[in-house]
């Protein structure tokens, strides 16, 4: 899978986690989440397992247990829990993470079938549609990719990630003006989405507008600092002719990385 595809899916998973972690749960599951927040992962796991034994249809508890196991590297065990959730009911976060797991294992057809079923069962959700669009793009089915991107936007025109992933696809097809409009729509809908600002910066660089890209990267870093975005900002500064500023920033970044500071 291409790195950008993994990045997009990572954004999606991170965007969904808080909603799941803070949703109403039964008391045992609440205690589990308290333990998780306090860093006691063993106790969190035990409490989530107990919550599931008490209430086998507690999809949120099973999802959170799967997420915890996945974070610890037990991806196959997590996938089994997502699959069990989907036997009991349609649970969108489980669909998303299981589709990612299938793609990572090279099970593209299974990921596609899972997402197609979610599209049928969840007619008002954009997420499975733009994930399916990305899958079509990954496998070279560009007409199908466009269909699902547009369907995602028709389903939920206010979904920022639907706009930003469509923007990236448009940019990959050389449709930079349309891509910029979609990316700007994404940041208008979600002004605190660091990934959206970064995507806008990437597209502006492709348009040879480094000055505007600098602002987008700075907005991204103000929300969520990360090394890769800093590198892109440095390159944008160089392209904009601000070489001295770029070198100072690069020296500071390398010094921080040498000290183990990300």
C-alpha atoms as a PDB file:
ATOM      1  CA  UNK A   1       0.000   0.000   0.000  1.00  0.00           C
ATOM      2  CA  UNK A   2       1.223   3.484  -0.835  1.00  0.00           C
ATOM      3  CA  UNK A   3       2.408   5.619   2.136  1.00  0.00           C
ATOM      4  CA  UNK A   4      -0.167   8.311   1.400  1.00  0.00           C
ATOM      5  CA  UNK A   5      -2.959   5.731   1.544  1.00  0.00           C
ATOM      6  CA  UNK A   6      -1.767   4.605   4.985  1.00  0.00           C
ATOM      7  CA  UNK A   7      -1.549   8.217   6.126  1.00  0.00           C
ATOM      8  CA  UNK A   8      -5.119   8.891   5.047  1.00  0.00           C
ATOM      9  CA  UNK A   9      -6.386   5.832   6.870  1.00  0.00           C
ATOM     10  CA  UNK A  10      -4.393   6.807   9.969  1.00  0.00           C
ATOM     11  CA  UNK A  11      -6.098  10.200   9.984  1.00  0.00           C
ATOM     12  CA  UNK A  12      -9.438   8.480   9.746  1.00  0.00           C
ATOM     13  CA  UNK A  13      -8.807   6.083  12.605  1.00  0.00           C
ATOM     14  CA  UNK A  14      -7.533   8.846  14.868  1.00  0.00           C
ATOM     15  CA  UNK A  15     -10.534  11.022  14.045  1.00  0.00           C
ATOM     16  CA  UNK A  16     -12.923   8.258  15.033  1.00  0.00           C
ATOM     17  CA  UNK A  17     -11.300   7.088  18.259  1.00  0.00           C
ATOM     18  CA  UNK A  18     -12.333   9.952  20.565  1.00  0.00           C
ATOM     19  CA  UNK A  19     -15.978   9.578  19.573  1.00  0.00           C
ATOM     20  CA  UNK A  20     -15.867   5.896  20.452  1.00  0.00           C
ATOM     21  CA  UNK A  21     -13.858   6.290  23.630  1.00  0.00           C
ATOM     22  CA  UNK A  22     -16.193   8.893  25.107  1.00  0.00           C
ATOM     23  CA  UNK A  23     -19.524   7.333  24.125  1.00  0.00           C
ATOM     24  CA  UNK A  24     -21.871   6.162  26.881  1.00  0.00           C
ATOM     25  CA  UNK A  25     -20.816   2.751  28.266  1.00  0.00           C
ATOM     26  CA  UNK A  26     -21.761   0.396  31.058  1.00  0.00           C
ATOM     27  CA  UNK A  27     -19.950   0.866  34.394  1.00  0.00           C
ATOM     28  CA  UNK A  28     -17.288  -1.819  33.907  1.00  0.00           C
ATOM     29  CA  UNK A  29     -16.369  -0.376  30.524  1.00  0.00           C
ATOM     30  CA  UNK A  30     -16.213   3.100  32.057  1.00  0.00           C
ATOM     31  CA  UNK A  31     -13.716   1.827  34.616  1.00  0.00           C
ATOM     32  CA  UNK A  32     -11.724   0.244  31.800  1.00  0.00           C
ATOM     33  CA  UNK A  33     -11.444   3.555  29.989  1.00  0.00           C
ATOM     34  CA  UNK A  34     -10.368   5.260  33.220  1.00  0.00           C
ATOM     35  CA  UNK A  35      -7.601   2.673  33.588  1.00  0.00           C
ATOM     36  CA  UNK A  36      -6.572   3.179  29.973  1.00  0.00           C
ATOM     37  CA  UNK A  37      -6.325   6.945  30.418  1.00  0.00           C
ATOM     38  CA  UNK A  38      -4.194   6.369  33.518  1.00  0.00           C
ATOM     39  CA  UNK A  39      -1.837   4.120  31.537  1.00  0.00           C
ATOM     40  CA  UNK A  40      -2.796   0.839  33.228  1.00  0.00           C
ATOM     41  CA  UNK A  41      -3.320  -1.122  30.015  1.00  0.00           C
ATOM     42  CA  UNK A  42      -3.430  -4.533  31.691  1.00  0.00           C
ATOM     43  CA  UNK A  43      -6.278  -3.464  33.961  1.00  0.00           C
ATOM     44  CA  UNK A  44      -8.030  -1.761  31.053  1.00  0.00           C
ATOM     45  CA  UNK A  45      -7.869  -4.978  29.027  1.00  0.00           C
ATOM     46  CA  UNK A  46      -9.176  -7.104  31.901  1.00  0.00           C
ATOM     47  CA  UNK A  47     -12.068  -4.725  32.563  1.00  0.00           C
ATOM     48  CA  UNK A  48     -13.031  -4.560  28.893  1.00  0.00           C
ATOM     49  CA  UNK A  49     -12.977  -8.360  28.696  1.00  0.00           C
ATOM     50  CA  UNK A  50     -15.224  -8.471  31.772  1.00  0.00           C
ATOM     51  CA  UNK A  51     -17.581  -5.904  30.248  1.00  0.00           C
ATOM     52  CA  UNK A  52     -17.920  -8.049  27.130  1.00  0.00           C
ATOM     53  CA  UNK A  53     -18.616 -11.169  29.209  1.00  0.00           C
ATOM     54  CA  UNK A  54     -21.300  -9.256  31.078  1.00  0.00           C
ATOM     55  CA  UNK A  55     -22.829  -7.812  27.931  1.00  0.00           C
ATOM     56  CA  UNK A  56     -21.801  -9.694  24.766  1.00  0.00           C
ATOM     57  CA  UNK A  57     -23.599  -7.149  22.580  1.00  0.00           C
ATOM     58  CA  UNK A  58     -21.568  -4.238  23.958  1.00  0.00           C
ATOM     59  CA  UNK A  59     -20.023  -3.296  20.611  1.00  0.00           C
ATOM     60  CA  UNK A  60     -18.218  -0.257  21.987  1.00  0.00           C
ATOM     61  CA  UNK A  61     -16.427  -2.273  24.674  1.00  0.00           C
ATOM     62  CA  UNK A  62     -15.358  -4.907  22.131  1.00  0.00           C
ATOM     63  CA  UNK A  63     -14.196  -2.183  19.746  1.00  0.00           C
ATOM     64  CA  UNK A  64     -12.145  -0.501  22.461  1.00  0.00           C
ATOM     65  CA  UNK A  65     -10.596  -3.829  23.460  1.00  0.00           C
ATOM     66  CA  UNK A  66      -9.681  -4.424  19.811  1.00  0.00           C
ATOM     67  CA  UNK A  67      -8.181  -0.943  19.567  1.00  0.00           C
ATOM     68  CA  UNK A  68      -6.140  -1.533  22.715  1.00  0.00           C
ATOM     69  CA  UNK A  69      -4.810  -4.844  21.384  1.00  0.00           C
ATOM     70  CA  UNK A  70      -4.020  -3.271  18.032  1.00  0.00           C
ATOM     71  CA  UNK A  71      -2.051  -0.522  19.741  1.00  0.00           C
ATOM     72  CA  UNK A  72      -0.033  -3.244  21.493  1.00  0.00           C
ATOM     73  CA  UNK A  73       0.726  -4.999  18.219  1.00  0.00           C
ATOM     74  CA  UNK A  74      -1.810  -7.843  18.442  1.00  0.00           C
ATOM     75  CA  UNK A  75      -3.391  -7.015  15.103  1.00  0.00           C
ATOM     76  CA  UNK A  76      -4.851 -10.431  14.312  1.00  0.00           C
ATOM     77  CA  UNK A  77      -6.526 -10.630  17.731  1.00  0.00           C
ATOM     78  CA  UNK A  78      -7.932  -7.156  17.179  1.00  0.00           C
ATOM     79  CA  UNK A  79      -9.264  -8.136  13.749  1.00  0.00           C
ATOM     80  CA  UNK A  80     -11.067 -11.123  15.256  1.00  0.00           C
ATOM     81  CA  UNK A  81     -12.824  -8.781  17.683  1.00  0.00           C
ATOM     82  CA  UNK A  82     -13.827  -6.387  14.906  1.00  0.00           C
ATOM     83  CA  UNK A  83     -15.216  -9.351  12.962  1.00  0.00           C
ATOM     84  CA  UNK A  84     -17.166 -10.509  16.006  1.00  0.00           C
ATOM     85  CA  UNK A  85     -18.635  -7.026  16.372  1.00  0.00           C
ATOM     86  CA  UNK A  86     -19.857  -7.075  12.795  1.00  0.00           C
ATOM     87  CA  UNK A  87     -21.542 -10.440  13.296  1.00  0.00           C
ATOM     88  CA  UNK A  88     -23.610  -8.769  16.007  1.00  0.00           C
ATOM     89  CA  UNK A  89     -24.436  -5.517  14.235  1.00  0.00           C
ATOM     90  CA  UNK A  90     -23.247  -2.779  11.924  1.00  0.00           C
ATOM     91  CA  UNK A  91     -20.562  -0.800  13.768  1.00  0.00           C
ATOM     92  CA  UNK A  92     -18.849   1.755  11.576  1.00  0.00           C
ATOM     93  CA  UNK A  93     -15.580   2.131  13.551  1.00  0.00           C
ATOM     94  CA  UNK A  94     -15.133  -1.654  13.452  1.00  0.00           C
ATOM     95  CA  UNK A  95     -15.770  -1.624   9.695  1.00  0.00           C
ATOM     96  CA  UNK A  96     -13.118   1.039   9.197  1.00  0.00           C
ATOM     97  CA  UNK A  97     -10.414  -0.588  11.275  1.00  0.00           C
ATOM     98  CA  UNK A  98     -11.132  -4.046   9.887  1.00  0.00           C
ATOM     99  CA  UNK A  99     -10.958  -2.711   6.316  1.00  0.00           C
ATOM    100  CA  UNK A 100      -7.561  -1.194   7.145  1.00  0.00           C
ATOM    101  CA  UNK A 101      -6.431  -4.536   8.571  1.00  0.00           C
ATOM    102  CA  UNK A 102      -7.529  -6.392   5.436  1.00  0.00           C
ATOM    103  CA  UNK A 103      -5.710  -3.926   3.197  1.00  0.00           C
ATOM    104  CA  UNK A 104      -2.565  -4.213   5.264  1.00  0.00           C
ATOM    105  CA  UNK A 105      -2.709  -7.994   4.834  1.00  0.00           C
ATOM    106  CA  UNK A 106      -3.254  -7.621   1.087  1.00  0.00           C
ATOM    107  CA  UNK A 107      -6.859  -8.844   1.317  1.00  0.00           C
ATOM    108  CA  UNK A 108      -8.131  -6.169  -1.044  1.00  0.00           C
ATOM    109  CA  UNK A 109     -11.261  -8.019  -2.163  1.00  0.00           C
ATOM    110  CA  UNK A 110     -12.332  -8.613   1.440  1.00  0.00           C
ATOM    111  CA  UNK A 111     -11.772  -4.957   2.286  1.00  0.00           C
ATOM    112  CA  UNK A 112     -13.813  -3.896  -0.744  1.00  0.00           C
ATOM    113  CA  UNK A 113     -16.689  -6.258   0.049  1.00  0.00           C
ATOM    114  CA  UNK A 114     -16.741  -5.050   3.658  1.00  0.00           C
ATOM    115  CA  UNK A 115     -16.912  -1.403   2.604  1.00  0.00           C
ATOM    116  CA  UNK A 116     -19.507  -2.043  -0.094  1.00  0.00           C
ATOM    117  CA  UNK A 117     -21.743  -3.727   2.466  1.00  0.00           C
ATOM    118  CA  UNK A 118     -21.300  -0.769   4.821  1.00  0.00           C
ATOM    119  CA  UNK A 119     -22.344   1.585   2.000  1.00  0.00           C
ATOM    120  CA  UNK A 120     -25.549  -0.400   1.530  1.00  0.00           C
ATOM    121  CA  UNK A 121     -26.379  -0.639   5.210  1.00  0.00           C
ATOM    122  CA  UNK A 122     -25.370   2.938   6.084  1.00  0.00           C
ATOM    123  CA  UNK A 123     -26.897   5.113   3.338  1.00  0.00           C
ATOM    124  CA  UNK A 124     -26.165   8.363   5.193  1.00  0.00           C
ATOM    125  CA  UNK A 125     -22.485   7.745   6.021  1.00  0.00           C
ATOM    126  CA  UNK A 126     -19.722   9.239   3.859  1.00  0.00           C
ATOM    127  CA  UNK A 127     -16.842   7.369   5.487  1.00  0.00           C
ATOM    128  CA  UNK A 128     -17.213   3.911   3.900  1.00  0.00           C
ATOM    129  CA  UNK A 129     -17.729   5.595   0.538  1.00  0.00           C
ATOM    130  CA  UNK A 130     -14.557   7.643   0.504  1.00  0.00           C
ATOM    131  CA  UNK A 131     -12.606   4.704   1.919  1.00  0.00           C
ATOM    132  CA  UNK A 132     -13.957   2.579  -0.936  1.00  0.00           C
ATOM    133  CA  UNK A 133     -12.984   5.368  -3.347  1.00  0.00           C
ATOM    134  CA  UNK A 134      -9.424   5.254  -2.024  1.00  0.00           C
ATOM    135  CA  UNK A 135      -9.403   1.488  -2.448  1.00  0.00           C
ATOM    136  CA  UNK A 136     -10.541   1.859  -6.062  1.00  0.00           C
ATOM    137  CA  UNK A 137      -7.782   4.409  -6.644  1.00  0.00           C
ATOM    138  CA  UNK A 138      -5.212   2.100  -5.084  1.00  0.00           C
ATOM    139  CA  UNK A 139      -6.190  -0.673  -7.494  1.00  0.00           C
ATOM    140  CA  UNK A 140      -6.255   1.594 -10.542  1.00  0.00           C
ATOM    141  CA  UNK A 141     -10.036   1.792 -10.968  1.00  0.00           C
ATOM    142  CA  UNK A 142     -10.178   5.547 -11.302  1.00  0.00           C
ATOM    143  CA  UNK A 143     -13.701   5.830 -12.702  1.00  0.00           C
ATOM    144  CA  UNK A 144     -15.048   3.857  -9.749  1.00  0.00           C
ATOM    145  CA  UNK A 145     -12.914   5.961  -7.402  1.00  0.00           C
ATOM    146  CA  UNK A 146     -14.484   9.161  -8.686  1.00  0.00           C
ATOM    147  CA  UNK A 147     -17.954   7.639  -8.403  1.00  0.00           C
ATOM    148  CA  UNK A 148     -17.497   6.798  -4.733  1.00  0.00           C
ATOM    149  CA  UNK A 149     -15.828  10.120  -3.898  1.00  0.00           C
ATOM    150  CA  UNK A 150     -18.794  11.986  -5.382  1.00  0.00           C
ATOM    151  CA  UNK A 151     -21.223   9.645  -3.651  1.00  0.00           C
ATOM    152  CA  UNK A 152     -19.498  10.373  -0.331  1.00  0.00           C
ATOM    153  CA  UNK A 153     -19.924  14.095  -0.884  1.00  0.00           C
ATOM    154  CA  UNK A 154     -23.562  13.706  -1.898  1.00  0.00           C
ATOM    155  CA  UNK A 155     -24.131  11.626   1.225  1.00  0.00           C
ATOM    156  CA  UNK A 156     -22.541  14.176   3.565  1.00  0.00           C
ATOM    157  CA  UNK A 157     -21.410  17.444   2.033  1.00  0.00           C
ATOM    158  CA  UNK A 158     -20.167  18.640   5.447  1.00  0.00           C
ATOM    159  CA  UNK A 159     -17.676  15.802   5.973  1.00  0.00           C
ATOM    160  CA  UNK A 160     -14.239  17.445   5.901  1.00  0.00           C
ATOM    161  CA  UNK A 161     -12.352  14.200   5.321  1.00  0.00           C
ATOM    162  CA  UNK A 162     -14.515  13.388   2.300  1.00  0.00           C
ATOM    163  CA  UNK A 163     -13.429  16.712   0.814  1.00  0.00           C
ATOM    164  CA  UNK A 164      -9.764  16.346   1.683  1.00  0.00           C
ATOM    165  CA  UNK A 165      -9.403  12.818   0.326  1.00  0.00           C
ATOM    166  CA  UNK A 166     -11.228  13.831  -2.838  1.00  0.00           C
ATOM    167  CA  UNK A 167      -8.853  16.800  -3.085  1.00  0.00           C
ATOM    168  CA  UNK A 168      -5.845  14.501  -2.902  1.00  0.00           C
ATOM    169  CA  UNK A 169      -7.325  12.272  -5.588  1.00  0.00           C
ATOM    170  CA  UNK A 170      -8.003  15.260  -7.845  1.00  0.00           C
ATOM    171  CA  UNK A 171      -4.423  16.442  -7.346  1.00  0.00           C
ATOM    172  CA  UNK A 172      -3.136  12.989  -8.309  1.00  0.00           C
ATOM    173  CA  UNK A 173      -5.118  13.345 -11.534  1.00  0.00           C
ATOM    174  CA  UNK A 174      -3.610  16.765 -12.250  1.00  0.00           C
ATOM    175  CA  UNK A 175      -6.848  18.676 -11.537  1.00  0.00           C
ATOM    176  CA  UNK A 176      -5.158  21.145  -9.238  1.00  0.00           C
ATOM    177  CA  UNK A 177      -7.683  23.996  -9.288  1.00  0.00           C
ATOM    178  CA  UNK A 178     -10.512  21.647  -8.336  1.00  0.00           C
ATOM    179  CA  UNK A 179      -8.260  19.988  -5.762  1.00  0.00           C
ATOM    180  CA  UNK A 180      -7.490  23.334  -4.131  1.00  0.00           C
ATOM    181  CA  UNK A 181     -11.178  24.197  -3.898  1.00  0.00           C
ATOM    182  CA  UNK A 182     -11.920  20.871  -2.237  1.00  0.00           C
ATOM    183  CA  UNK A 183      -9.032  21.243   0.214  1.00  0.00           C
ATOM    184  CA  UNK A 184     -10.138  24.761   1.131  1.00  0.00           C
ATOM    185  CA  UNK A 185     -13.626  23.436   1.721  1.00  0.00           C
ATOM    186  CA  UNK A 186     -12.144  20.833   4.046  1.00  0.00           C
ATOM    187  CA  UNK A 187     -10.309  23.387   6.190  1.00  0.00           C
ATOM    188  CA  UNK A 188     -13.395  25.614   6.241  1.00  0.00           C
ATOM    189  CA  UNK A 189     -15.425  22.710   7.609  1.00  0.00           C
ATOM    190  CA  UNK A 190     -12.716  21.547  10.031  1.00  0.00           C
ATOM    191  CA  UNK A 191     -10.344  24.436  10.819  1.00  0.00           C
ATOM    192  CA  UNK A 192      -8.635  22.416  13.582  1.00  0.00           C
ATOM    193  CA  UNK A 193      -7.849  19.462  11.289  1.00  0.00           C
ATOM    194  CA  UNK A 194      -4.056  19.445  10.956  1.00  0.00           C
ATOM    195  CA  UNK A 195      -4.149  16.822   8.200  1.00  0.00           C
ATOM    196  CA  UNK A 196      -6.535  18.979   6.171  1.00  0.00           C
ATOM    197  CA  UNK A 197      -4.207  22.003   6.317  1.00  0.00           C
ATOM    198  CA  UNK A 198      -1.258  19.803   5.407  1.00  0.00           C
ATOM    199  CA  UNK A 199      -3.129  18.404   2.394  1.00  0.00           C
ATOM    200  CA  UNK A 200      -3.920  21.955   1.294  1.00  0.00           C
ATOM    201  CA  UNK A 201      -0.236  22.841   1.595  1.00  0.00           C
ATOM    202  CA  UNK A 202       0.760  19.831  -0.510  1.00  0.00           C
ATOM    203  CA  UNK A 203      -1.660  20.806  -3.262  1.00  0.00           C
ATOM    204  CA  UNK A 204      -0.521  24.441  -3.233  1.00  0.00           C
ATOM    205  CA  UNK A 205       3.065  23.235  -3.665  1.00  0.00           C
ATOM    206  CA  UNK A 206       1.960  21.290  -6.737  1.00  0.00           C
ATOM    207  CA  UNK A 207       0.409  24.512  -8.006  1.00  0.00           C
ATOM    208  CA  UNK A 208       3.769  26.224  -7.505  1.00  0.00           C
ATOM    209  CA  UNK A 209       2.362  28.515  -4.840  1.00  0.00           C
ATOM    210  CA  UNK A 210       4.914  28.019  -2.044  1.00  0.00           C
ATOM    211  CA  UNK A 211       4.002  31.269  -0.292  1.00  0.00           C
ATOM    212  CA  UNK A 212       0.436  30.088   0.252  1.00  0.00           C
ATOM    213  CA  UNK A 213       1.641  26.599   1.101  1.00  0.00           C
ATOM    214  CA  UNK A 214       3.803  28.052   3.888  1.00  0.00           C
ATOM    215  CA  UNK A 215       0.714  29.444   5.582  1.00  0.00           C
ATOM    216  CA  UNK A 216      -1.119  26.107   5.276  1.00  0.00           C
ATOM    217  CA  UNK A 217       1.803  24.155   6.741  1.00  0.00           C
ATOM    218  CA  UNK A 218       2.132  26.659   9.584  1.00  0.00           C
ATOM    219  CA  UNK A 219      -1.565  26.244  10.381  1.00  0.00           C
ATOM    220  CA  UNK A 220      -1.097  22.464  10.419  1.00  0.00           C
ATOM    221  CA  UNK A 221       1.910  22.674  12.741  1.00  0.00           C
ATOM    222  CA  UNK A 222       0.122  25.046  15.114  1.00  0.00           C
ATOM    223  CA  UNK A 223      -2.557  22.380  15.580  1.00  0.00           C
ATOM    224  CA  UNK A 224      -0.384  19.263  15.605  1.00  0.00           C
ATOM    225  CA  UNK A 225       3.414  19.578  15.354  1.00  0.00           C
ATOM    226  CA  UNK A 226       5.165  16.782  13.475  1.00  0.00           C
ATOM    227  CA  UNK A 227       8.503  16.294  11.780  1.00  0.00           C
ATOM    228  CA  UNK A 228       7.261  15.568   8.263  1.00  0.00           C
ATOM    229  CA  UNK A 229       5.163  18.732   8.101  1.00  0.00           C
ATOM    230  CA  UNK A 230       8.136  20.738   9.354  1.00  0.00           C
ATOM    231  CA  UNK A 231      10.239  19.307   6.534  1.00  0.00           C
ATOM    232  CA  UNK A 232       7.584  20.270   4.022  1.00  0.00           C
ATOM    233  CA  UNK A 233       7.454  23.768   5.462  1.00  0.00           C
ATOM    234  CA  UNK A 234      11.235  24.054   5.138  1.00  0.00           C
ATOM    235  CA  UNK A 235      11.065  22.982   1.494  1.00  0.00           C
ATOM    236  CA  UNK A 236       8.250  25.470   0.861  1.00  0.00           C
ATOM    237  CA  UNK A 237      10.363  28.245   2.376  1.00  0.00           C
ATOM    238  CA  UNK A 238      13.227  27.311   0.052  1.00  0.00           C
ATOM    239  CA  UNK A 239      10.922  27.330  -2.956  1.00  0.00           C
ATOM    240  CA  UNK A 240       9.603  30.730  -1.893  1.00  0.00           C
ATOM    241  CA  UNK A 241      13.169  32.089  -1.795  1.00  0.00           C
ATOM    242  CA  UNK A 242      13.354  32.341   1.994  1.00  0.00           C
ATOM    243  CA  UNK A 243      16.543  30.291   2.114  1.00  0.00           C
ATOM    244  CA  UNK A 244      18.025  31.801   5.274  1.00  0.00           C
ATOM    245  CA  UNK A 245      14.855  31.215   7.250  1.00  0.00           C
ATOM    246  CA  UNK A 246      14.619  27.695   5.845  1.00  0.00           C
ATOM    247  CA  UNK A 247      18.184  26.868   6.911  1.00  0.00           C
ATOM    248  CA  UNK A 248      17.649  28.199  10.423  1.00  0.00           C
ATOM    249  CA  UNK A 249      14.530  26.105  10.762  1.00  0.00           C
ATOM    250  CA  UNK A 250      16.279  23.063   9.321  1.00  0.00           C
ATOM    251  CA  UNK A 251      19.197  23.417  11.758  1.00  0.00           C
ATOM    252  CA  UNK A 252      16.765  23.674  14.670  1.00  0.00           C
ATOM    253  CA  UNK A 253      14.871  20.611  13.452  1.00  0.00           C
ATOM    254  CA  UNK A 254      18.019  18.505  13.021  1.00  0.00           C
ATOM    255  CA  UNK A 255      19.268  19.543  16.460  1.00  0.00           C
ATOM    256  CA  UNK A 256      15.943  18.524  18.017  1.00  0.00           C
ATOM    257  CA  UNK A 257      15.973  15.194  16.219  1.00  0.00           C
ATOM    258  CA  UNK A 258      19.541  14.546  17.367  1.00  0.00           C
ATOM    259  CA  UNK A 259      18.290  14.943  20.938  1.00  0.00           C
ATOM    260  CA  UNK A 260      15.434  12.559  20.282  1.00  0.00           C
ATOM    261  CA  UNK A 261      12.813  15.316  20.198  1.00  0.00           C
ATOM    262  CA  UNK A 262      10.192  14.775  17.505  1.00  0.00           C
END
